[in-house]
N, C-alpha and C. Protein backbone atom coordinates (compact mmCIF):
# COMPACT_ATOMS: atom_id res chain seq x y z
N UNK A 1 112.41 13.25 -3.02
CA UNK A 1 111.42 12.28 -3.45
C UNK A 1 111.09 11.38 -2.26
N UNK A 2 109.86 10.94 -2.23
CA UNK A 2 109.40 10.05 -1.17
C UNK A 2 108.71 8.83 -1.77
N UNK A 3 108.89 7.70 -1.12
CA UNK A 3 108.12 6.50 -1.44
C UNK A 3 107.11 6.35 -0.31
N UNK A 4 105.81 6.38 -0.66
CA UNK A 4 104.75 6.40 0.35
C UNK A 4 103.76 5.27 0.09
N UNK A 5 103.43 4.55 1.16
CA UNK A 5 102.42 3.49 1.06
C UNK A 5 101.49 3.61 2.25
N UNK A 6 100.19 3.68 1.99
CA UNK A 6 99.16 3.77 3.02
C UNK A 6 99.46 4.90 4.00
N UNK A 7 99.94 6.03 3.46
CA UNK A 7 100.22 7.20 4.27
C UNK A 7 101.53 7.15 5.03
N UNK A 8 102.31 6.09 4.88
CA UNK A 8 103.58 5.93 5.58
C UNK A 8 104.74 6.14 4.62
N UNK A 9 105.68 6.99 5.00
CA UNK A 9 106.88 7.23 4.18
C UNK A 9 107.84 6.07 4.40
N UNK A 10 108.16 5.38 3.32
CA UNK A 10 109.07 4.22 3.38
C UNK A 10 110.51 4.61 3.09
N UNK A 11 110.68 5.63 2.24
CA UNK A 11 112.01 6.09 1.86
C UNK A 11 111.91 7.55 1.46
N UNK A 12 113.00 8.28 1.68
CA UNK A 12 113.01 9.69 1.32
C UNK A 12 114.43 10.10 0.95
N UNK A 13 114.58 10.70 -0.23
CA UNK A 13 115.89 11.11 -0.71
C UNK A 13 115.74 12.24 -1.72
N UNK A 14 116.80 12.98 -1.88
CA UNK A 14 116.84 14.00 -2.92
C UNK A 14 116.82 13.29 -4.27
N UNK A 15 116.13 13.85 -5.22
CA UNK A 15 116.01 13.21 -6.54
C UNK A 15 117.38 12.93 -7.17
N UNK A 16 118.35 13.76 -6.88
CA UNK A 16 119.70 13.57 -7.44
C UNK A 16 120.37 12.30 -6.91
N UNK A 17 119.90 11.78 -5.78
CA UNK A 17 120.47 10.56 -5.19
C UNK A 17 119.86 9.29 -5.79
N UNK A 18 118.72 9.41 -6.45
CA UNK A 18 118.00 8.25 -6.98
C UNK A 18 118.59 7.80 -8.30
N UNK A 19 118.38 6.53 -8.59
CA UNK A 19 118.75 5.96 -9.88
C UNK A 19 117.46 5.52 -10.55
N UNK A 20 117.24 5.94 -11.78
CA UNK A 20 116.02 5.56 -12.49
C UNK A 20 116.37 4.48 -13.51
N UNK A 21 115.67 3.33 -13.38
CA UNK A 21 115.87 2.20 -14.28
C UNK A 21 114.51 1.70 -14.72
N UNK A 22 114.30 1.69 -16.02
CA UNK A 22 113.07 1.15 -16.60
C UNK A 22 111.82 1.72 -15.92
N UNK A 23 111.82 3.02 -15.67
CA UNK A 23 110.66 3.69 -15.10
C UNK A 23 110.53 3.57 -13.59
N UNK A 24 111.44 2.87 -12.94
CA UNK A 24 111.41 2.75 -11.48
C UNK A 24 112.50 3.60 -10.86
N UNK A 25 112.16 4.26 -9.75
CA UNK A 25 113.16 4.99 -8.98
C UNK A 25 113.75 4.05 -7.94
N UNK A 26 115.07 4.00 -7.89
CA UNK A 26 115.79 3.18 -6.91
C UNK A 26 116.39 4.13 -5.86
N UNK A 27 116.02 3.90 -4.59
CA UNK A 27 116.48 4.72 -3.49
C UNK A 27 117.75 4.13 -2.87
N UNK A 28 118.72 4.99 -2.51
CA UNK A 28 119.90 4.48 -1.81
C UNK A 28 119.47 3.78 -0.52
N UNK A 29 120.15 2.70 -0.14
CA UNK A 29 119.75 1.95 1.04
C UNK A 29 119.67 2.79 2.31
N UNK A 30 120.54 3.77 2.44
CA UNK A 30 120.55 4.60 3.65
C UNK A 30 119.34 5.52 3.77
N UNK A 31 118.55 5.65 2.70
CA UNK A 31 117.38 6.53 2.72
C UNK A 31 116.07 5.78 2.95
N UNK A 32 116.17 4.46 3.08
CA UNK A 32 114.98 3.62 3.30
C UNK A 32 114.84 3.38 4.80
N UNK A 33 113.65 3.60 5.33
CA UNK A 33 113.41 3.39 6.76
C UNK A 33 113.46 1.89 7.05
N UNK A 34 114.45 1.45 7.84
CA UNK A 34 114.68 0.02 8.03
C UNK A 34 113.51 -0.76 8.62
N UNK A 35 112.71 -0.14 9.45
CA UNK A 35 111.58 -0.85 10.06
C UNK A 35 110.44 -1.06 9.06
N UNK A 36 110.51 -0.43 7.91
CA UNK A 36 109.42 -0.50 6.94
C UNK A 36 109.49 -1.74 6.05
N UNK A 37 110.66 -2.40 6.00
CA UNK A 37 110.83 -3.52 5.08
C UNK A 37 111.28 -4.77 5.81
N UNK A 38 110.83 -5.91 5.32
CA UNK A 38 111.28 -7.20 5.82
C UNK A 38 111.55 -8.10 4.61
N UNK A 39 112.67 -8.84 4.66
CA UNK A 39 113.02 -9.70 3.53
C UNK A 39 111.91 -10.69 3.22
N UNK A 40 111.67 -10.90 1.94
CA UNK A 40 110.66 -11.84 1.48
C UNK A 40 111.36 -13.08 0.92
N UNK A 41 110.75 -14.24 1.10
CA UNK A 41 111.34 -15.45 0.54
C UNK A 41 111.05 -15.64 -0.96
N UNK A 42 110.27 -14.74 -1.55
CA UNK A 42 109.89 -14.88 -2.95
C UNK A 42 111.13 -14.75 -3.84
N UNK A 43 111.47 -15.81 -4.59
CA UNK A 43 112.67 -15.77 -5.43
C UNK A 43 112.42 -15.06 -6.75
N UNK A 44 113.46 -14.45 -7.27
CA UNK A 44 113.38 -13.86 -8.61
C UNK A 44 114.80 -13.65 -9.11
N UNK A 45 115.03 -14.01 -10.35
CA UNK A 45 116.31 -13.76 -10.99
C UNK A 45 116.05 -13.15 -12.35
N UNK A 46 116.72 -12.05 -12.61
CA UNK A 46 116.63 -11.38 -13.90
C UNK A 46 117.86 -11.75 -14.71
N UNK A 47 117.65 -12.13 -15.95
CA UNK A 47 118.79 -12.53 -16.78
C UNK A 47 119.74 -11.35 -17.01
N UNK A 48 119.22 -10.13 -16.96
CA UNK A 48 120.07 -8.96 -17.18
C UNK A 48 120.67 -8.43 -15.90
N UNK A 49 119.85 -8.31 -14.85
CA UNK A 49 120.31 -7.63 -13.63
C UNK A 49 120.93 -8.56 -12.59
N UNK A 50 120.52 -9.80 -12.56
CA UNK A 50 121.03 -10.73 -11.56
C UNK A 50 119.95 -11.15 -10.58
N UNK A 51 120.37 -11.60 -9.40
CA UNK A 51 119.43 -12.07 -8.37
C UNK A 51 118.80 -10.87 -7.68
N UNK A 52 117.49 -10.89 -7.58
CA UNK A 52 116.73 -9.80 -6.94
C UNK A 52 116.24 -10.28 -5.58
N UNK A 53 116.46 -9.45 -4.56
CA UNK A 53 115.92 -9.71 -3.23
C UNK A 53 114.63 -8.91 -3.08
N UNK A 54 113.52 -9.61 -2.88
CA UNK A 54 112.24 -8.94 -2.67
C UNK A 54 112.05 -8.62 -1.19
N UNK A 55 111.24 -7.59 -0.94
CA UNK A 55 110.91 -7.20 0.43
C UNK A 55 109.41 -6.97 0.54
N UNK A 56 108.89 -7.29 1.70
CA UNK A 56 107.51 -6.94 2.02
C UNK A 56 107.55 -5.65 2.83
N UNK A 57 106.49 -4.88 2.71
CA UNK A 57 106.37 -3.60 3.41
C UNK A 57 105.53 -3.81 4.66
N UNK A 58 105.98 -3.25 5.77
CA UNK A 58 105.24 -3.32 7.03
C UNK A 58 104.69 -1.94 7.34
N UNK A 59 103.36 -1.83 7.42
CA UNK A 59 102.70 -0.58 7.78
C UNK A 59 101.66 -0.91 8.84
N UNK A 60 101.74 -0.20 9.96
CA UNK A 60 100.81 -0.41 11.08
C UNK A 60 100.73 -1.88 11.49
N UNK A 61 101.88 -2.55 11.48
CA UNK A 61 101.94 -3.95 11.89
C UNK A 61 101.43 -4.94 10.86
N UNK A 62 101.00 -4.45 9.70
CA UNK A 62 100.46 -5.31 8.65
C UNK A 62 101.49 -5.49 7.53
N UNK A 63 101.68 -6.73 7.12
CA UNK A 63 102.66 -7.04 6.07
C UNK A 63 101.98 -7.03 4.70
N UNK A 64 102.60 -6.33 3.77
CA UNK A 64 102.15 -6.24 2.37
C UNK A 64 103.26 -6.86 1.53
N UNK A 65 102.97 -8.03 0.97
CA UNK A 65 103.98 -8.86 0.32
C UNK A 65 104.59 -8.24 -0.94
N UNK A 66 105.91 -8.35 -1.01
CA UNK A 66 106.69 -8.11 -2.23
C UNK A 66 106.42 -6.76 -2.90
N UNK A 67 106.43 -5.69 -2.12
CA UNK A 67 106.21 -4.36 -2.69
C UNK A 67 107.52 -3.60 -2.94
N UNK A 68 108.64 -4.23 -2.62
CA UNK A 68 109.93 -3.58 -2.83
C UNK A 68 110.96 -4.63 -3.23
N UNK A 69 112.04 -4.17 -3.84
CA UNK A 69 113.10 -5.11 -4.23
C UNK A 69 114.43 -4.37 -4.37
N UNK A 70 115.48 -5.16 -4.35
CA UNK A 70 116.82 -4.65 -4.55
C UNK A 70 117.65 -5.71 -5.28
N UNK A 71 118.69 -5.26 -5.90
CA UNK A 71 119.67 -6.17 -6.49
C UNK A 71 120.95 -6.00 -5.67
N UNK A 72 121.20 -6.90 -4.71
CA UNK A 72 122.37 -6.76 -3.85
C UNK A 72 123.69 -6.76 -4.64
N UNK A 73 123.74 -7.55 -5.70
CA UNK A 73 124.94 -7.62 -6.54
C UNK A 73 124.52 -7.65 -8.01
N UNK A 74 124.13 -6.49 -8.57
CA UNK A 74 123.72 -6.50 -9.98
C UNK A 74 124.88 -6.90 -10.89
N UNK A 75 124.52 -7.39 -12.05
CA UNK A 75 125.55 -7.83 -13.00
C UNK A 75 126.39 -6.63 -13.44
N UNK A 76 127.67 -6.84 -13.67
CA UNK A 76 128.54 -5.76 -14.14
C UNK A 76 128.03 -5.11 -15.43
N UNK A 77 127.45 -5.90 -16.33
CA UNK A 77 126.95 -5.33 -17.58
C UNK A 77 125.76 -4.40 -17.33
N UNK A 78 124.94 -4.71 -16.33
CA UNK A 78 123.80 -3.85 -16.01
C UNK A 78 124.27 -2.56 -15.34
N UNK A 79 125.26 -2.66 -14.47
CA UNK A 79 125.83 -1.46 -13.86
C UNK A 79 126.39 -0.55 -14.95
N UNK A 80 127.07 -1.15 -15.90
CA UNK A 80 127.62 -0.38 -17.01
C UNK A 80 126.51 0.26 -17.84
N UNK A 81 125.45 -0.50 -18.12
CA UNK A 81 124.33 0.02 -18.92
C UNK A 81 123.62 1.17 -18.21
N UNK A 82 123.47 1.07 -16.89
CA UNK A 82 122.80 2.11 -16.11
C UNK A 82 123.71 3.32 -15.92
N UNK A 83 125.02 3.06 -15.85
CA UNK A 83 125.97 4.15 -15.70
C UNK A 83 126.37 4.45 -14.27
N UNK A 84 125.86 3.65 -13.33
CA UNK A 84 126.22 3.82 -11.93
C UNK A 84 125.97 2.52 -11.18
N UNK A 85 126.70 2.33 -10.10
CA UNK A 85 126.52 1.13 -9.29
C UNK A 85 125.28 1.31 -8.41
N UNK A 86 124.26 0.52 -8.64
CA UNK A 86 123.02 0.62 -7.87
C UNK A 86 122.85 -0.58 -6.93
N UNK A 87 123.95 -1.19 -6.54
CA UNK A 87 123.91 -2.32 -5.62
C UNK A 87 123.20 -1.92 -4.33
N UNK A 88 122.19 -2.71 -3.96
CA UNK A 88 121.47 -2.47 -2.72
C UNK A 88 120.43 -1.37 -2.77
N UNK A 89 120.35 -0.62 -3.85
CA UNK A 89 119.32 0.41 -3.97
C UNK A 89 117.94 -0.26 -4.01
N UNK A 90 116.94 0.41 -3.46
CA UNK A 90 115.62 -0.19 -3.29
C UNK A 90 114.60 0.48 -4.20
N UNK A 91 113.87 -0.33 -4.95
CA UNK A 91 112.78 0.14 -5.81
C UNK A 91 111.46 -0.39 -5.24
N UNK A 92 110.37 0.26 -5.64
CA UNK A 92 109.05 -0.09 -5.12
C UNK A 92 108.08 -0.38 -6.25
N UNK A 93 107.14 -1.27 -5.99
CA UNK A 93 106.12 -1.62 -6.97
C UNK A 93 105.15 -0.44 -7.16
N UNK A 94 104.33 -0.48 -8.20
CA UNK A 94 103.41 0.63 -8.48
C UNK A 94 102.41 0.93 -7.36
N UNK A 95 102.18 -0.01 -6.45
CA UNK A 95 101.27 0.25 -5.33
C UNK A 95 101.84 1.28 -4.36
N UNK A 96 103.15 1.47 -4.41
CA UNK A 96 103.83 2.46 -3.57
C UNK A 96 103.98 3.72 -4.41
N UNK A 97 103.50 4.83 -3.89
CA UNK A 97 103.56 6.10 -4.63
C UNK A 97 104.92 6.75 -4.41
N UNK A 98 105.59 7.06 -5.53
CA UNK A 98 106.84 7.80 -5.46
C UNK A 98 106.54 9.22 -5.96
N UNK A 99 106.78 10.19 -5.07
CA UNK A 99 106.43 11.57 -5.39
C UNK A 99 107.45 12.53 -4.79
N UNK A 100 107.39 13.78 -5.29
CA UNK A 100 108.30 14.79 -4.75
C UNK A 100 107.69 15.50 -3.57
């Protein structure tokens, strides 16, 4: 599977490595191209999952705000509900195409 924005591959992993939560694919951190993301100051906290770190996507030197996110330390109850530890896994907003 690939996460693609404006023709640029942001992450690539075998589908078996991904975690699907609420219709979003979460990519393991090691499969995300590090130069493609920059931490965003936009705060967000989910009552179920915990504190979410947002990221902006950088393509051709242009920043696209808050198109990705991760839960660095998801709540234990959410890890249990999902069935696997998805700490640090990265998901993308609908503007980013996730395809095989």
